[in-house]
Amino acid sequence: MRVKNKSIIVTGAGGGIGEGIALRLAAEGARVIVNDINEALGNKVVEEILRAGGDAAFFKADVTKSAEVKALVNAAVQRHGKLDAMVNNAGWTHRNRPALEVSEDEFDRCYAVNVKSIYLSTIHAVPAFRANGGGSFINIASTAGVRPRPGLTWYNGSKGAVITTSKSLAAELGPDNIRVNCINPVFNPTTGLATEFAGGELTEERMAKFRATIPLGRFSTSLDVANAALYLASDEASFISGVCIEVDGARCV
């Protein structure tokens, strides 16, 4: 098992990519804290992990609130005696529309969930990593931060911020044996935000147009992203820091 007995938090793990990451890490022996703001969905993921013989517990926390992120980190340390990795997966987007039509509230929420959460996880998880002799942040960014397109301007910018911040943290925290990496998925039609990214109903015409921009000819899946997260969380990636793995079928080429 590639992450046996590692204590790992996965935020936004009640569905979609986060759920896939939590399931994959647990299957490889991790002791997972499933985080979400939706208690019912989070507990459902925990139950699935437990049925499969894995180790998981749910912790409800809003990743935009400092006290709640602190409590989330403390819960992992109290339950497992340590924290080895934190997967910052929770994310949000405004609907695909012209930049001038996105409200200030939507902008604020986008940056709070996508960027402030990285700040808060850093503030509260770094002391736990230092106490453990090191650790790993895995930040789920997006191909939107590498190859932005019209309609998602403020979301694109937030993910660009995640990428740059992650690289800077990798340089700053390296002496503490703390690794910081990103994963950049391409569009996944099964996630809860898919219609927001698409700007409306996922018609076959919309899907075909988007799929045609991906050289490998398909969309990303939660398992695709989870496999990348598993690698970055494992000791196999012990010398990998400051990188972004595009899980995008060559779309960003």
Protein backbone atom coordinates (compact mmCIF):
# COMPACT_ATOMS: atom_id res chain seq x y z
CA MET A 1 0.00 0.00 0.00
CA ARG A 2 1.50 3.27 -1.17
CA VAL A 3 0.29 5.60 1.60
CA LYS A 4 -0.19 3.10 4.42
CA ASN A 5 -0.94 4.77 7.78
CA LYS A 6 -0.47 8.28 6.40
CA SER A 7 -2.80 10.84 7.98
CA ILE A 8 -4.41 12.81 5.15
CA ILE A 9 -7.09 15.48 5.03
CA VAL A 10 -9.11 15.86 1.82
CA THR A 11 -11.25 19.00 1.65
CA GLY A 12 -14.42 19.16 -0.42
CA ALA A 13 -14.51 15.36 -0.36
CA GLY A 14 -18.28 14.89 -0.29
CA GLY A 15 -18.46 14.32 -4.03
CA GLY A 16 -16.75 14.64 -7.39
CA ILE A 17 -12.97 14.85 -7.52
CA GLY A 18 -12.61 15.09 -3.73
CA GLU A 19 -14.59 11.92 -3.22
CA GLY A 20 -12.46 10.12 -5.79
CA ILE A 21 -9.27 11.25 -4.07
CA ALA A 22 -10.50 10.19 -0.62
CA LEU A 23 -11.53 6.75 -1.88
CA ARG A 24 -8.26 6.18 -3.73
CA LEU A 25 -6.06 7.25 -0.81
CA ALA A 26 -8.03 5.10 1.63
CA ALA A 27 -7.76 2.11 -0.69
CA GLU A 28 -3.97 2.53 -0.54
CA GLY A 29 -3.90 2.53 3.26
CA ALA A 30 -4.27 6.20 4.21
CA ARG A 31 -6.17 7.27 7.30
CA VAL A 32 -8.43 9.86 5.75
CA ILE A 33 -10.27 12.82 7.19
CA VAL A 34 -13.13 13.50 4.80
CA ASN A 35 -14.01 17.19 4.92
CA ASP A 36 -17.01 18.92 3.42
CA ILE A 37 -19.67 21.48 4.36
CA ASN A 38 -22.33 18.92 3.47
CA GLU A 39 -22.45 16.46 6.34
CA ALA A 40 -24.71 13.93 4.61
CA LEU A 41 -22.50 13.67 1.52
CA GLY A 42 -19.31 13.53 3.57
CA ASN A 43 -20.60 10.76 5.80
CA LYS A 44 -21.69 8.81 2.73
CA VAL A 45 -18.10 8.82 1.48
CA VAL A 46 -16.84 7.75 4.91
CA GLU A 47 -19.31 4.87 4.97
CA GLU A 48 -18.12 3.70 1.55
CA ILE A 49 -14.51 3.74 2.74
CA LEU A 50 -15.35 1.84 5.91
CA ARG A 51 -17.33 -0.78 3.98
CA ALA A 52 -14.26 -1.38 1.86
CA GLY A 53 -12.14 -1.91 4.97
CA GLY A 54 -10.50 1.51 4.97
CA ASP A 55 -9.97 4.09 7.70
CA ALA A 56 -11.91 7.36 7.50
CA ALA A 57 -13.79 9.90 9.57
CA PHE A 58 -15.85 12.93 8.62
CA PHE A 59 -15.18 16.47 9.81
CA LYS A 60 -17.45 19.33 8.82
CA ALA A 61 -15.61 22.60 8.23
CA ASP A 62 -15.88 25.65 5.99
CA VAL A 63 -12.46 26.09 4.39
CA THR A 64 -12.94 29.88 4.24
CA LYS A 65 -13.15 30.17 8.05
CA SER A 66 -9.90 30.22 10.02
CA ALA A 67 -11.27 28.70 13.22
CA GLU A 68 -12.88 25.85 11.30
CA VAL A 69 -9.74 25.02 9.31
CA LYS A 70 -7.75 25.05 12.55
CA ALA A 71 -10.26 22.64 14.09
CA LEU A 72 -10.05 20.42 11.00
CA VAL A 73 -6.27 20.13 11.26
CA ASN A 74 -6.47 19.54 15.00
CA ALA A 75 -9.02 16.77 14.45
CA ALA A 76 -6.63 14.91 12.15
CA VAL A 77 -3.74 15.26 14.60
CA GLN A 78 -5.87 14.19 17.56
CA ARG A 79 -7.29 11.17 15.74
CA HIS A 80 -4.10 10.00 14.03
CA GLY A 81 -1.35 11.52 16.16
CA LYS A 82 0.06 13.39 13.18
CA LEU A 83 -0.72 15.00 9.82
CA ASP A 84 1.17 13.82 6.74
CA ALA A 85 -0.68 15.49 3.88
CA MET A 86 -3.47 17.92 3.13
CA VAL A 87 -5.32 17.84 -0.17
CA ASN A 88 -6.89 21.24 -0.79
CA ASN A 89 -9.61 20.20 -3.18
CA ALA A 90 -12.58 22.35 -2.14
CA GLY A 91 -13.39 24.79 -4.94
CA TRP A 92 -16.08 26.98 -6.42
CA THR A 93 -16.75 28.86 -9.63
CA HIS A 94 -19.03 31.58 -10.91
CA ARG A 95 -21.11 30.64 -13.92
CA ASN A 96 -19.44 30.87 -17.32
CA ARG A 97 -20.34 34.38 -18.46
CA PRO A 98 -18.68 37.67 -19.49
CA ALA A 99 -16.35 39.07 -16.83
CA LEU A 100 -18.43 42.25 -16.40
CA GLU A 101 -21.53 40.21 -15.53
CA VAL A 102 -20.01 38.41 -12.52
CA SER A 103 -21.21 39.98 -9.27
CA GLU A 104 -18.91 41.17 -6.51
CA ASP A 105 -20.34 38.52 -4.18
CA GLU A 106 -19.53 35.81 -6.73
CA PHE A 107 -16.00 37.17 -7.11
CA ASP A 108 -15.49 37.24 -3.34
CA ARG A 109 -16.75 33.69 -2.92
CA CYS A 110 -14.56 32.43 -5.75
CA TYR A 111 -11.42 33.84 -4.19
CA ALA A 112 -12.42 32.85 -0.65
CA VAL A 113 -13.02 29.18 -1.51
CA ASN A 114 -10.23 28.80 -4.06
CA VAL A 115 -7.46 31.02 -2.68
CA LYS A 116 -8.12 32.01 0.93
CA SER A 117 -8.52 28.31 1.72
CA ILE A 118 -4.90 27.76 0.64
CA TYR A 119 -3.79 30.57 2.95
CA LEU A 120 -5.73 29.12 5.89
CA SER A 121 -4.54 25.56 5.31
CA THR A 122 -0.97 26.86 5.22
CA ILE A 123 -1.38 28.84 8.43
CA HIS A 124 -2.85 25.91 10.34
CA ALA A 125 -1.27 22.82 8.76
CA VAL A 126 2.35 23.96 8.58
CA PRO A 127 2.84 23.77 12.39
CA ALA A 128 1.47 20.21 12.33
CA PHE A 129 3.78 19.28 9.45
CA ARG A 130 6.77 20.78 11.24
CA ALA A 131 5.92 18.76 14.35
CA ASN A 132 5.85 15.65 12.14
CA GLY A 133 9.20 16.35 10.47
CA GLY A 134 7.59 17.36 7.16
CA GLY A 135 4.45 17.01 5.10
CA SER A 136 2.78 17.52 1.77
CA PHE A 137 0.24 19.98 0.40
CA ILE A 138 -1.58 18.88 -2.74
CA ASN A 139 -3.55 21.79 -4.15
CA ILE A 140 -6.17 21.11 -6.79
CA ALA A 141 -5.85 24.01 -9.21
CA SER A 142 -7.01 23.80 -12.84
CA THR A 143 -5.96 23.95 -16.45
CA ALA A 144 -7.83 27.28 -16.31
CA GLY A 145 -4.87 28.69 -14.40
CA VAL A 146 -2.48 27.64 -17.18
CA ARG A 147 -4.51 28.15 -20.33
CA PRO A 148 -7.41 30.48 -19.49
CA ARG A 149 -10.38 30.95 -21.78
CA PRO A 150 -13.14 33.59 -21.95
CA GLY A 151 -16.17 33.26 -19.69
CA LEU A 152 -14.44 32.12 -16.52
CA THR A 153 -12.06 35.05 -16.05
CA TRP A 154 -12.28 35.43 -12.28
CA TYR A 155 -12.21 31.68 -11.70
CA ASN A 156 -9.21 31.43 -14.04
CA GLY A 157 -7.44 34.11 -12.02
CA SER A 158 -8.13 32.36 -8.73
CA LYS A 159 -6.60 29.13 -10.01
CA GLY A 160 -3.61 31.01 -11.40
CA ALA A 161 -3.15 32.39 -7.89
CA VAL A 162 -3.23 28.86 -6.46
CA ILE A 163 -0.51 27.76 -8.87
CA THR A 164 1.81 30.70 -8.19
CA THR A 165 1.22 30.54 -4.44
CA SER A 166 1.97 26.82 -4.41
CA LYS A 167 5.28 27.30 -6.20
CA SER A 168 6.27 30.10 -3.81
CA LEU A 169 5.35 27.99 -0.78
CA ALA A 170 7.36 25.07 -2.16
CA ALA A 171 10.45 27.28 -2.25
CA GLU A 172 9.79 28.76 1.19
CA LEU A 173 8.81 25.60 3.05
CA GLY A 174 11.29 23.21 1.47
CA PRO A 175 13.80 23.57 4.33
CA ASP A 176 11.08 22.21 6.64
CA ASN A 177 10.73 19.13 4.41
CA ILE A 178 7.27 20.35 3.38
CA ARG A 179 6.37 19.69 -0.23
CA VAL A 180 3.78 21.75 -2.12
CA ASN A 181 2.40 20.65 -5.47
CA CYS A 182 -0.60 21.26 -7.72
CA ILE A 183 -2.83 19.13 -9.89
CA ASN A 184 -4.53 20.81 -12.84
CA PRO A 185 -7.54 18.83 -14.05
CA VAL A 186 -9.37 19.58 -17.25
CA PHE A 187 -13.18 19.68 -17.42
CA ASN A 188 -14.96 16.80 -15.67
CA PRO A 189 -18.67 16.61 -16.59
CA THR A 190 -19.57 14.51 -13.53
CA THR A 191 -18.68 17.14 -10.91
CA GLY A 192 -21.29 19.28 -9.19
CA LEU A 193 -19.98 22.46 -10.81
CA ALA A 194 -19.98 21.12 -14.38
CA THR A 195 -22.98 23.15 -15.56
CA GLU A 196 -21.46 26.33 -14.08
CA PHE A 197 -18.23 25.73 -15.99
CA ALA A 198 -20.18 25.05 -19.16
CA GLY A 199 -22.46 28.04 -18.72
CA GLY A 200 -25.62 25.96 -18.85
CA GLU A 201 -27.03 22.54 -19.65
CA LEU A 202 -24.47 19.96 -20.70
CA THR A 203 -25.80 19.42 -24.19
CA GLU A 204 -24.05 17.01 -26.52
CA GLU A 205 -23.14 19.95 -28.72
CA ARG A 206 -21.38 21.74 -25.84
CA MET A 207 -19.67 18.53 -24.75
CA ALA A 208 -18.45 17.69 -28.24
CA LYS A 209 -17.04 21.17 -28.77
CA PHE A 210 -15.08 21.02 -25.53
CA ARG A 211 -13.96 17.41 -26.06
CA ALA A 212 -12.53 18.36 -29.44
CA THR A 213 -9.96 20.60 -27.67
CA ILE A 214 -8.49 17.64 -25.75
CA PRO A 215 -5.96 15.67 -27.84
CA LEU A 216 -6.60 12.40 -25.99
CA GLY A 217 -10.26 12.77 -26.88
CA ARG A 218 -11.98 12.49 -23.50
CA PHE A 219 -12.64 14.44 -20.31
CA SER A 220 -10.82 13.90 -17.03
CA THR A 221 -12.32 11.58 -14.44
CA SER A 222 -12.13 11.71 -10.66
CA LEU A 223 -9.93 8.61 -10.76
CA ASP A 224 -7.48 10.31 -13.13
CA VAL A 225 -7.01 13.13 -10.62
CA ALA A 226 -7.00 10.75 -7.67
CA ASN A 227 -4.15 8.73 -9.16
CA ALA A 228 -2.06 11.89 -9.47
CA ALA A 229 -2.89 12.84 -5.87
CA LEU A 230 -1.90 9.37 -4.69
CA TYR A 231 1.51 9.71 -6.33
CA LEU A 232 2.13 13.15 -4.82
CA ALA A 233 1.07 11.96 -1.35
CA SER A 234 3.29 8.89 -1.51
CA ASP A 235 6.97 8.54 -0.63
CA GLU A 236 7.60 7.93 -4.33
CA ALA A 237 7.26 11.72 -4.74
CA SER A 238 9.55 12.62 -1.84
CA PHE A 239 11.71 14.82 -4.10
CA ILE A 240 8.82 16.33 -6.04
CA SER A 241 7.85 19.83 -4.98
CA GLY A 242 6.76 23.02 -6.71
CA VAL A 243 5.30 21.22 -9.72
CA CYS A 244 1.92 21.22 -11.42
CA ILE A 245 0.69 18.00 -12.94
CA GLU A 246 -1.73 18.66 -15.78
CA VAL A 247 -4.33 15.88 -15.82
CA ASP A 248 -5.77 17.11 -19.07
CA GLY A 249 -5.11 14.77 -21.98
CA ALA A 250 -2.64 17.34 -23.41
CA ARG A 251 -5.15 20.20 -23.58
CA CYS A 252 -2.60 22.70 -22.24
CA VAL A 253 0.05 21.80 -24.79
